[in-house]
Amino acid sequence: SFLAAAVATTTNDHHSMPYRSFLAATILLVIGLSVAILSTGDAGSGTNKEEVVAPMIRGSMNLAEGPWPKCVGMSGENCKSYILANAKDINSVDILPEDSMVTMDFSTSRVRIFVGDDGVVVMIPKRG
């Protein structure tokens, strides 16, 4: 095999063992990377139209609980109305510029909506 031939061509001095190990590891790495690249198929070609669903972290898809990913791309006011219509226990919904500094306290009855300069929601609103 190619690997055996490459290892056999090394010299027999005191540096040959580390060199053979390095050579074998390099060849195996190249083979492994080749297999990984070939096994991905057309994943990077843009022809795969399957939707990727991001996992919800510290939340659920329950509209009353949040977070509310559907708000991204809405106007801040439409998002506020959407949240208030679905989560009756929310006492405060603030629409803020995306680079606003906010307090670090956590309140389950508060939602902050961060919008860009055009008033469109840029981050998924969540309780806090």
Protein backbone atom coordinates (compact mmCIF):
# COMPACT_ATOMS: atom_id res chain seq x y z
CA SER A 1 0.00 0.00 0.00
CA PHE A 2 1.00 3.64 -0.36
CA LEU A 3 1.35 4.09 3.41
CA ALA A 4 3.62 1.06 3.76
CA ALA A 5 5.78 2.18 0.83
CA ALA A 6 6.12 5.71 2.24
CA VAL A 7 7.12 4.44 5.67
CA ALA A 8 9.55 1.85 4.20
CA THR A 9 11.49 4.53 2.29
CA THR A 10 12.62 6.27 5.47
CA THR A 11 16.20 5.82 6.68
CA ASN A 12 17.16 3.61 9.61
CA ASP A 13 18.98 6.22 11.73
CA HIS A 14 17.87 7.33 15.20
CA HIS A 15 15.50 9.97 13.71
CA SER A 16 13.59 7.53 11.52
CA MET A 17 11.00 6.38 14.08
CA PRO A 18 9.61 9.86 14.85
CA TYR A 19 9.73 10.66 11.13
CA ARG A 20 7.77 7.49 10.28
CA SER A 21 5.16 8.33 12.92
CA PHE A 22 4.86 11.87 11.61
CA LEU A 23 4.62 10.66 8.01
CA ALA A 24 2.00 8.03 8.85
CA ALA A 25 -0.05 10.55 10.84
CA THR A 26 0.12 13.08 8.00
CA ILE A 27 -0.97 10.53 5.41
CA LEU A 28 -3.87 9.38 7.59
CA LEU A 29 -4.91 12.98 8.14
CA VAL A 30 -4.95 13.68 4.40
CA ILE A 31 -6.97 10.52 3.75
CA GLY A 32 -9.43 11.39 6.52
CA LEU A 33 -9.90 14.92 5.26
CA SER A 34 -10.43 13.64 1.72
CA VAL A 35 -13.10 11.22 2.89
CA ALA A 36 -14.81 13.96 4.94
CA ILE A 37 -14.84 16.38 2.00
CA LEU A 38 -16.16 13.76 -0.40
CA SER A 39 -18.86 12.60 2.01
CA THR A 40 -20.36 16.08 2.34
CA GLY A 41 -21.65 15.79 -1.22
CA ASP A 42 -23.41 18.90 -2.42
CA ALA A 43 -23.93 20.43 1.04
CA GLY A 44 -21.98 23.55 0.09
CA SER A 45 -23.38 23.92 -3.42
CA GLY A 46 -26.49 25.86 -2.41
CA THR A 47 -28.86 23.33 -4.00
CA ASN A 48 -30.04 21.97 -0.67
CA LYS A 49 -33.19 23.92 0.21
CA GLU A 50 -33.91 22.15 3.49
CA GLU A 51 -34.70 24.62 6.26
CA VAL A 52 -32.38 24.53 9.25
CA VAL A 53 -34.21 25.02 12.52
CA ALA A 54 -32.09 26.56 15.26
CA PRO A 55 -32.63 25.07 18.71
CA MET A 56 -34.33 27.29 21.26
CA ILE A 57 -32.04 28.05 24.17
CA ARG A 58 -33.69 28.95 27.47
CA GLY A 59 -37.12 29.01 25.89
CA SER A 60 -39.79 27.17 23.99
CA MET A 61 -41.88 27.59 20.89
CA ASN A 62 -44.91 28.31 23.08
CA LEU A 63 -46.11 31.79 22.03
CA ALA A 64 -47.13 32.65 25.58
CA GLU A 65 -43.68 31.86 26.99
CA GLY A 66 -41.34 33.06 24.25
CA PRO A 67 -38.83 33.65 22.87
CA TRP A 68 -40.50 34.99 19.73
CA PRO A 69 -38.28 34.31 16.67
CA LYS A 70 -41.05 35.30 14.23
CA CYS A 71 -40.58 38.90 15.34
CA VAL A 72 -37.21 39.22 13.63
CA GLY A 73 -37.85 41.30 10.50
CA MET A 74 -41.12 42.79 11.82
CA SER A 75 -41.45 46.40 12.84
CA GLY A 76 -40.91 46.97 16.54
CA GLU A 77 -44.52 48.04 17.08
CA ASN A 78 -45.93 44.99 15.25
CA CYS A 79 -43.68 42.75 17.32
CA LYS A 80 -44.85 44.42 20.54
CA SER A 81 -48.49 43.87 19.58
CA TYR A 82 -47.77 40.25 18.64
CA ILE A 83 -46.12 39.53 22.00
CA LEU A 84 -48.78 41.29 24.06
CA ALA A 85 -51.52 39.38 22.20
CA ASN A 86 -49.88 36.03 22.95
CA ALA A 87 -48.38 36.54 26.43
CA LYS A 88 -50.96 37.99 28.77
CA ASP A 89 -48.61 38.03 31.80
CA ILE A 90 -46.12 40.49 30.24
CA ASN A 91 -46.19 43.84 32.06
CA SER A 92 -43.51 45.69 30.13
CA VAL A 93 -42.46 45.56 26.48
CA ASP A 94 -39.69 48.00 25.62
CA ILE A 95 -38.58 48.83 22.08
CA LEU A 96 -34.92 49.83 22.15
CA PRO A 97 -32.15 50.59 19.64
CA GLU A 98 -30.02 47.48 19.03
CA ASP A 99 -26.94 48.95 20.73
CA SER A 100 -28.75 50.08 23.88
CA MET A 101 -27.25 49.47 27.30
CA VAL A 102 -29.72 47.78 29.65
CA THR A 103 -29.77 46.69 33.26
CA MET A 104 -28.71 43.15 34.02
CA ASP A 105 -31.65 42.30 36.30
CA PHE A 106 -33.97 39.56 35.03
CA SER A 107 -37.74 39.94 35.01
CA THR A 108 -40.03 37.28 33.54
CA SER A 109 -42.73 39.91 33.00
CA ARG A 110 -40.51 42.11 30.80
CA VAL A 111 -39.55 41.80 27.13
CA ARG A 112 -37.01 43.99 25.39
CA ILE A 113 -37.30 44.36 21.62
CA PHE A 114 -34.10 45.51 19.91
CA VAL A 115 -34.56 47.29 16.59
CA GLY A 116 -32.21 48.68 13.94
CA ASP A 117 -32.19 52.25 12.66
CA ASP A 118 -35.13 51.40 10.38
CA GLY A 119 -37.29 50.24 13.33
CA VAL A 120 -37.12 46.57 12.30
CA VAL A 121 -36.48 43.88 14.94
CA VAL A 122 -32.90 42.58 14.68
CA MET A 123 -32.72 40.13 17.63
CA ILE A 124 -35.14 37.48 18.87
CA PRO A 125 -37.16 39.05 21.71
CA LYS A 126 -37.24 37.08 24.94
CA ARG A 127 -38.26 37.52 28.52
CA GLY A 128 -35.83 39.21 30.81
